Every structure is written in C-alpha cells, then in structure tokens.
C-alpha cells in the first residue's frame, strides 16, 4: 500500500533535486528512499524502477532545455538566433549539469519514451538551420556540427580544460559559434 502523501510527482521532484544536488553517478533508489524517509518498496508503488524514474527526470530535463532554446530564439533569426541558442544551451548545461548528463546519456537509460522525446532538443536547432536556408541533409549536418561544438566546448570547460590559458573563454566560444555561423551561411548560399 502506498505511503500516504507519497505520489509519483513527489518522487520525480525529489529525484530531480537529489540528482542535481548529489550527482547522477551517486543516485540510487535506496538513497532517494532514505532522503524521503520511506522504504525502497514504497517507491515501487509509484515507479517501475530506477530506469523509469531516470526517464521521468530525463523527460523534464528535455522539456527544460527545449524551453530554454525556444525562449532564446523567439523573435530572432539567423546569426542572432544561433548565438542566443548557443548561449542558452551552454547555460542550461552549466546550471543543470546533472540533468544535462541524463539528456546526453538517453541511450543508456533504455527507456524508449525518453529516447524519442530527447529529439525535442533538436527542433529549435533545426529551426535555426532553416533560417540559414538549410534543409534536408544539409540541415542535419549543420545541427550535428553545432551540437558537437556546443557540447564539446561545455565538456572541456566543465572538466577544467580551458583553465590554463589566459585567453577569455567567452571570446573563444563566440569565435566558435561565429565560425559555425559562417559555415551555415555558406551552405545556405550553396543550397539557394
């Protein structure tokens, strides 16, 4: 019988907070149950297991990142939209690093709903590709390049990889996104 007051939403909220505070690697149903003051078996009355719970948190993370991207590009186009989107993406990864790890690891969670929904993160990016006149395979290549650049920069930055050089990281990031913008513009002209 479910513990009075314990609901699926309470569990998902607690799991999200627990992961953001303590890290994805340290997360377990046992640690969450302890935090909530319940037995692990009480959690199973509401969720099917750790993978399902991680998928539920992952779905929230995807929605949060997509919302940040959409808000960033609203009313903007081409280069202005690209830079705003890149800043929003990196900002989300910095502020919600552990949730970002879930998004990046969707294929390891093996919950089909999360894998399918994770594609929502690409929709705003594809809209920006369209602003540059890219369609079809050109748009797919463009979004892959952009996502790889944004993720790679964040991963290096987060690991401390840019801390030994005196040049401004923000300027480096803007140069990276600017180079991608130039490439996208050139591809758009070729597709015109």
C-alpha atoms as a PDB file:
ATOM      1  CA  UNK A   1       0.000   0.000   0.000  1.00  0.00           C
ATOM      2  CA  UNK A   2       1.436   3.428  -0.978  1.00  0.00           C
ATOM      3  CA  UNK A   3       2.601   5.664   1.865  1.00  0.00           C
ATOM      4  CA  UNK A   4       0.061   8.396   2.487  1.00  0.00           C
ATOM      5  CA  UNK A   5       1.145  11.598   0.773  1.00  0.00           C
ATOM      6  CA  UNK A   6       3.744   9.957  -1.460  1.00  0.00           C
ATOM      7  CA  UNK A   7       2.915  10.462  -5.136  1.00  0.00           C
ATOM      8  CA  UNK A   8       4.637   9.914  -8.463  1.00  0.00           C
ATOM      9  CA  UNK A   9       5.171  13.688  -8.834  1.00  0.00           C
ATOM     10  CA  UNK A  10       6.676  13.992  -5.364  1.00  0.00           C
ATOM     11  CA  UNK A  11       9.067  11.148  -6.195  1.00  0.00           C
ATOM     12  CA  UNK A  12      10.060  12.671  -9.539  1.00  0.00           C
ATOM     13  CA  UNK A  13      10.563  16.118  -7.969  1.00  0.00           C
ATOM     14  CA  UNK A  14      12.664  14.616  -5.190  1.00  0.00           C
ATOM     15  CA  UNK A  15      14.684  12.539  -7.653  1.00  0.00           C
ATOM     16  CA  UNK A  16      15.396  15.599  -9.794  1.00  0.00           C
ATOM     17  CA  UNK A  17      16.536  17.627  -6.784  1.00  0.00           C
ATOM     18  CA  UNK A  18      18.545  14.674  -5.434  1.00  0.00           C
ATOM     19  CA  UNK A  19      20.326  14.201  -8.767  1.00  0.00           C
ATOM     20  CA  UNK A  20      21.072  17.905  -9.186  1.00  0.00           C
ATOM     21  CA  UNK A  21      22.403  18.147  -5.640  1.00  0.00           C
ATOM     22  CA  UNK A  22      24.336  14.880  -5.314  1.00  0.00           C
ATOM     23  CA  UNK A  23      25.087  13.931  -8.898  1.00  0.00           C
ATOM     24  CA  UNK A  24      23.766  11.343 -11.291  1.00  0.00           C
ATOM     25  CA  UNK A  25      26.553   8.857 -10.537  1.00  0.00           C
ATOM     26  CA  UNK A  26      25.604   8.741  -6.847  1.00  0.00           C
ATOM     27  CA  UNK A  27      21.863   8.441  -7.447  1.00  0.00           C
ATOM     28  CA  UNK A  28      20.016   5.288  -6.462  1.00  0.00           C
ATOM     29  CA  UNK A  29      16.518   4.363  -5.383  1.00  0.00           C
ATOM     30  CA  UNK A  30      17.959   3.468  -1.984  1.00  0.00           C
ATOM     31  CA  UNK A  31      19.463   6.939  -1.490  1.00  0.00           C
ATOM     32  CA  UNK A  32      16.243   8.581  -2.688  1.00  0.00           C
ATOM     33  CA  UNK A  33      14.111   6.437  -0.373  1.00  0.00           C
ATOM     34  CA  UNK A  34      16.370   7.348   2.536  1.00  0.00           C
ATOM     35  CA  UNK A  35      16.064  11.042   1.663  1.00  0.00           C
ATOM     36  CA  UNK A  36      12.278  10.751   1.523  1.00  0.00           C
ATOM     37  CA  UNK A  37      12.129   8.709   4.743  1.00  0.00           C
ATOM     38  CA  UNK A  38      10.451   5.736   3.067  1.00  0.00           C
ATOM     39  CA  UNK A  39      11.375   2.196   2.109  1.00  0.00           C
ATOM     40  CA  UNK A  40      12.544   1.436  -1.414  1.00  0.00           C
ATOM     41  CA  UNK A  41       9.468  -0.760  -1.818  1.00  0.00           C
ATOM     42  CA  UNK A  42       7.290   2.339  -1.309  1.00  0.00           C
ATOM     43  CA  UNK A  43       8.875   3.914  -4.383  1.00  0.00           C
ATOM     44  CA  UNK A  44       7.949   0.856  -6.458  1.00  0.00           C
ATOM     45  CA  UNK A  45       4.291   1.560  -5.718  1.00  0.00           C
ATOM     46  CA  UNK A  46       4.672   4.665  -7.921  1.00  0.00           C
ATOM     47  CA  UNK A  47       7.533   3.979 -10.353  1.00  0.00           C
ATOM     48  CA  UNK A  48       8.665   0.844 -12.133  1.00  0.00           C
ATOM     49  CA  UNK A  49      12.305   1.137 -11.114  1.00  0.00           C
ATOM     50  CA  UNK A  50      15.372   3.308 -11.378  1.00  0.00           C
ATOM     51  CA  UNK A  51      15.446   3.413 -15.190  1.00  0.00           C
ATOM     52  CA  UNK A  52      11.829   4.511 -15.348  1.00  0.00           C
ATOM     53  CA  UNK A  53      12.443   7.185 -12.726  1.00  0.00           C
ATOM     54  CA  UNK A  54      15.542   8.437 -14.542  1.00  0.00           C
ATOM     55  CA  UNK A  55      13.483   8.549 -17.731  1.00  0.00           C
ATOM     56  CA  UNK A  56      10.831  10.673 -15.987  1.00  0.00           C
ATOM     57  CA  UNK A  57      13.509  13.077 -14.745  1.00  0.00           C
ATOM     58  CA  UNK A  58      15.055  12.994 -18.222  1.00  0.00           C
ATOM     59  CA  UNK A  59      11.749  13.959 -19.810  1.00  0.00           C
ATOM     60  CA  UNK A  60      11.634  17.003 -17.553  1.00  0.00           C
ATOM     61  CA  UNK A  61      15.220  17.851 -18.424  1.00  0.00           C
ATOM     62  CA  UNK A  62      14.461  17.632 -22.155  1.00  0.00           C
ATOM     63  CA  UNK A  63      11.437  19.909 -21.717  1.00  0.00           C
ATOM     64  CA  UNK A  64      13.535  22.385 -19.723  1.00  0.00           C
ATOM     65  CA  UNK A  65      16.309  22.521 -22.338  1.00  0.00           C
ATOM     66  CA  UNK A  66      13.852  22.781 -25.219  1.00  0.00           C
ATOM     67  CA  UNK A  67      12.014  25.607 -23.437  1.00  0.00           C
ATOM     68  CA  UNK A  68      15.300  27.459 -22.857  1.00  0.00           C
ATOM     69  CA  UNK A  69      16.246  27.094 -26.520  1.00  0.00           C
ATOM     70  CA  UNK A  70      12.804  28.213 -27.747  1.00  0.00           C
ATOM     71  CA  UNK A  71      12.763  31.238 -25.437  1.00  0.00           C
ATOM     72  CA  UNK A  72      16.256  32.201 -26.580  1.00  0.00           C
ATOM     73  CA  UNK A  73      15.431  32.188 -30.293  1.00  0.00           C
ATOM     74  CA  UNK A  74      11.952  33.711 -30.095  1.00  0.00           C
ATOM     75  CA  UNK A  75      11.771  36.712 -32.402  1.00  0.00           C
ATOM     76  CA  UNK A  76      15.309  36.159 -33.665  1.00  0.00           C
ATOM     77  CA  UNK A  77      16.712  34.730 -36.890  1.00  0.00           C
ATOM     78  CA  UNK A  78      19.958  33.500 -38.380  1.00  0.00           C
ATOM     79  CA  UNK A  79      23.092  34.668 -36.550  1.00  0.00           C
ATOM     80  CA  UNK A  80      21.226  36.387 -33.707  1.00  0.00           C
ATOM     81  CA  UNK A  81      19.170  33.226 -33.133  1.00  0.00           C
ATOM     82  CA  UNK A  82      22.231  30.996 -33.431  1.00  0.00           C
ATOM     83  CA  UNK A  83      24.194  32.896 -30.795  1.00  0.00           C
ATOM     84  CA  UNK A  84      21.181  33.094 -28.466  1.00  0.00           C
ATOM     85  CA  UNK A  85      20.538  29.379 -28.857  1.00  0.00           C
ATOM     86  CA  UNK A  86      24.205  28.522 -28.245  1.00  0.00           C
ATOM     87  CA  UNK A  87      24.242  30.645 -25.095  1.00  0.00           C
ATOM     88  CA  UNK A  88      21.006  29.064 -23.828  1.00  0.00           C
ATOM     89  CA  UNK A  89      22.300  25.551 -24.493  1.00  0.00           C
ATOM     90  CA  UNK A  90      25.579  26.186 -22.701  1.00  0.00           C
ATOM     91  CA  UNK A  91      23.770  27.992 -19.882  1.00  0.00           C
ATOM     92  CA  UNK A  92      21.489  25.005 -19.340  1.00  0.00           C
ATOM     93  CA  UNK A  93      24.435  22.600 -19.326  1.00  0.00           C
ATOM     94  CA  UNK A  94      26.242  24.776 -16.773  1.00  0.00           C
ATOM     95  CA  UNK A  95      23.241  25.350 -14.495  1.00  0.00           C
ATOM     96  CA  UNK A  96      21.782  21.840 -14.723  1.00  0.00           C
ATOM     97  CA  UNK A  97      24.884  19.752 -15.403  1.00  0.00           C
ATOM     98  CA  UNK A  98      23.476  16.559 -13.915  1.00  0.00           C
ATOM     99  CA  UNK A  99      20.211  16.854 -15.851  1.00  0.00           C
ATOM    100  CA  UNK A 100      22.263  17.565 -18.970  1.00  0.00           C
ATOM    101  CA  UNK A 101      24.133  14.301 -18.330  1.00  0.00           C
ATOM    102  CA  UNK A 102      20.811  12.468 -18.403  1.00  0.00           C
ATOM    103  CA  UNK A 103      19.945  14.044 -21.764  1.00  0.00           C
ATOM    104  CA  UNK A 104      23.343  13.135 -23.174  1.00  0.00           C
ATOM    105  CA  UNK A 105      23.006   9.580 -21.871  1.00  0.00           C
ATOM    106  CA  UNK A 106      19.449   8.854 -23.003  1.00  0.00           C
ATOM    107  CA  UNK A 107      20.529   5.771 -24.924  1.00  0.00           C
ATOM    108  CA  UNK A 108      21.999   4.211 -21.782  1.00  0.00           C
ATOM    109  CA  UNK A 109      18.735   4.517 -19.851  1.00  0.00           C
ATOM    110  CA  UNK A 110      16.923   2.264 -22.353  1.00  0.00           C
ATOM    111  CA  UNK A 111      13.507   3.831 -21.958  1.00  0.00           C
ATOM    112  CA  UNK A 112      12.068   4.305 -25.479  1.00  0.00           C
ATOM    113  CA  UNK A 113       9.877   7.268 -24.472  1.00  0.00           C
ATOM    114  CA  UNK A 114      12.920   9.233 -23.325  1.00  0.00           C
ATOM    115  CA  UNK A 115      14.916   8.408 -26.441  1.00  0.00           C
ATOM    116  CA  UNK A 116      12.030   9.594 -28.626  1.00  0.00           C
ATOM    117  CA  UNK A 117      11.359  12.747 -26.589  1.00  0.00           C
ATOM    118  CA  UNK A 118      15.048  13.708 -26.472  1.00  0.00           C
ATOM    119  CA  UNK A 119      14.723  14.639 -30.150  1.00  0.00           C
ATOM    120  CA  UNK A 120      12.725  17.686 -28.986  1.00  0.00           C
ATOM    121  CA  UNK A 121      16.038  19.347 -28.112  1.00  0.00           C
ATOM    122  CA  UNK A 122      16.884  19.350 -31.824  1.00  0.00           C
ATOM    123  CA  UNK A 123      13.685  21.099 -33.003  1.00  0.00           C
ATOM    124  CA  UNK A 124      14.752  24.669 -32.125  1.00  0.00           C
ATOM    125  CA  UNK A 125      18.177  23.964 -33.611  1.00  0.00           C
ATOM    126  CA  UNK A 126      16.594  22.770 -36.857  1.00  0.00           C
ATOM    127  CA  UNK A 127      14.505  25.948 -36.937  1.00  0.00           C
ATOM    128  CA  UNK A 128      17.710  27.970 -36.848  1.00  0.00           C
ATOM    129  CA  UNK A 129      19.171  25.774 -39.604  1.00  0.00           C
ATOM    130  CA  UNK A 130      16.120  26.707 -41.685  1.00  0.00           C
ATOM    131  CA  UNK A 131      16.838  30.393 -41.037  1.00  0.00           C
ATOM    132  CA  UNK A 132      20.144  29.855 -42.825  1.00  0.00           C
ATOM    133  CA  UNK A 133      18.319  28.230 -45.749  1.00  0.00           C
ATOM    134  CA  UNK A 134      19.427  24.702 -44.877  1.00  0.00           C
ATOM    135  CA  UNK A 135      17.082  21.801 -45.484  1.00  0.00           C
ATOM    136  CA  UNK A 136      17.359  18.021 -45.658  1.00  0.00           C
ATOM    137  CA  UNK A 137      20.812  16.545 -45.183  1.00  0.00           C
ATOM    138  CA  UNK A 138      22.473  19.971 -45.085  1.00  0.00           C
ATOM    139  CA  UNK A 139      20.335  20.920 -42.059  1.00  0.00           C
ATOM    140  CA  UNK A 140      21.121  17.588 -40.388  1.00  0.00           C
ATOM    141  CA  UNK A 141      24.859  18.129 -40.889  1.00  0.00           C
ATOM    142  CA  UNK A 142      24.564  21.704 -39.645  1.00  0.00           C
ATOM    143  CA  UNK A 143      22.763  20.782 -36.439  1.00  0.00           C
ATOM    144  CA  UNK A 144      25.251  17.967 -35.788  1.00  0.00           C
ATOM    145  CA  UNK A 145      28.159  20.365 -36.154  1.00  0.00           C
ATOM    146  CA  UNK A 146      26.523  22.917 -33.884  1.00  0.00           C
ATOM    147  CA  UNK A 147      25.539  20.395 -31.211  1.00  0.00           C
ATOM    148  CA  UNK A 148      29.019  18.849 -31.279  1.00  0.00           C
ATOM    149  CA  UNK A 149      30.618  22.271 -30.892  1.00  0.00           C
ATOM    150  CA  UNK A 150      28.342  23.335 -28.040  1.00  0.00           C
ATOM    151  CA  UNK A 151      28.687  20.022 -26.198  1.00  0.00           C
ATOM    152  CA  UNK A 152      32.423  19.781 -26.789  1.00  0.00           C
ATOM    153  CA  UNK A 153      33.079  23.289 -25.549  1.00  0.00           C
ATOM    154  CA  UNK A 154      30.984  22.714 -22.438  1.00  0.00           C
ATOM    155  CA  UNK A 155      32.653  19.344 -21.750  1.00  0.00           C
ATOM    156  CA  UNK A 156      36.147  20.855 -21.965  1.00  0.00           C
ATOM    157  CA  UNK A 157      35.138  23.861 -19.911  1.00  0.00           C
ATOM    158  CA  UNK A 158      33.454  21.726 -17.246  1.00  0.00           C
ATOM    159  CA  UNK A 159      36.490  19.444 -16.998  1.00  0.00           C
ATOM    160  CA  UNK A 160      38.759  22.469 -16.434  1.00  0.00           C
ATOM    161  CA  UNK A 161      40.376  22.091 -19.836  1.00  0.00           C
ATOM    162  CA  UNK A 162      40.444  25.810 -20.572  1.00  0.00           C
ATOM    163  CA  UNK A 163      41.796  26.972 -17.230  1.00  0.00           C
ATOM    164  CA  UNK A 164      45.488  27.049 -18.115  1.00  0.00           C
ATOM    165  CA  UNK A 165      45.380  29.609 -20.907  1.00  0.00           C
ATOM    166  CA  UNK A 166      44.889  33.345 -20.295  1.00  0.00           C
ATOM    167  CA  UNK A 167      42.576  33.993 -23.287  1.00  0.00           C
ATOM    168  CA  UNK A 168      38.932  34.711 -22.459  1.00  0.00           C
ATOM    169  CA  UNK A 169      36.732  31.586 -22.724  1.00  0.00           C
ATOM    170  CA  UNK A 170      33.695  33.651 -23.660  1.00  0.00           C
ATOM    171  CA  UNK A 171      35.536  35.115 -26.622  1.00  0.00           C
ATOM    172  CA  UNK A 172      36.628  31.627 -27.678  1.00  0.00           C
ATOM    173  CA  UNK A 173      33.024  30.405 -27.525  1.00  0.00           C
ATOM    174  CA  UNK A 174      31.792  33.339 -29.587  1.00  0.00           C
ATOM    175  CA  UNK A 175      34.516  32.693 -32.154  1.00  0.00           C
ATOM    176  CA  UNK A 176      33.479  29.024 -32.345  1.00  0.00           C
ATOM    177  CA  UNK A 177      29.807  29.836 -32.842  1.00  0.00           C
ATOM    178  CA  UNK A 178      30.766  32.594 -35.308  1.00  0.00           C
ATOM    179  CA  UNK A 179      32.770  30.097 -37.379  1.00  0.00           C
ATOM    180  CA  UNK A 180      29.759  27.778 -37.460  1.00  0.00           C
ATOM    181  CA  UNK A 181      27.549  30.708 -38.455  1.00  0.00           C
ATOM    182  CA  UNK A 182      29.879  31.480 -41.354  1.00  0.00           C
ATOM    183  CA  UNK A 183      29.793  27.826 -42.465  1.00  0.00           C
ATOM    184  CA  UNK A 184      25.996  27.707 -42.211  1.00  0.00           C
ATOM    185  CA  UNK A 185      25.688  30.906 -44.256  1.00  0.00           C
ATOM    186  CA  UNK A 186      27.986  29.472 -46.944  1.00  0.00           C
ATOM    187  CA  UNK A 187      25.982  26.241 -47.050  1.00  0.00           C
ATOM    188  CA  UNK A 188      22.768  28.233 -47.300  1.00  0.00           C
ATOM    189  CA  UNK A 189      24.114  30.123 -50.306  1.00  0.00           C
ATOM    190  CA  UNK A 190      25.083  26.812 -51.964  1.00  0.00           C
ATOM    191  CA  UNK A 191      21.586  25.424 -51.368  1.00  0.00           C
ATOM    192  CA  UNK A 192      19.858  28.542 -52.728  1.00  0.00           C
END
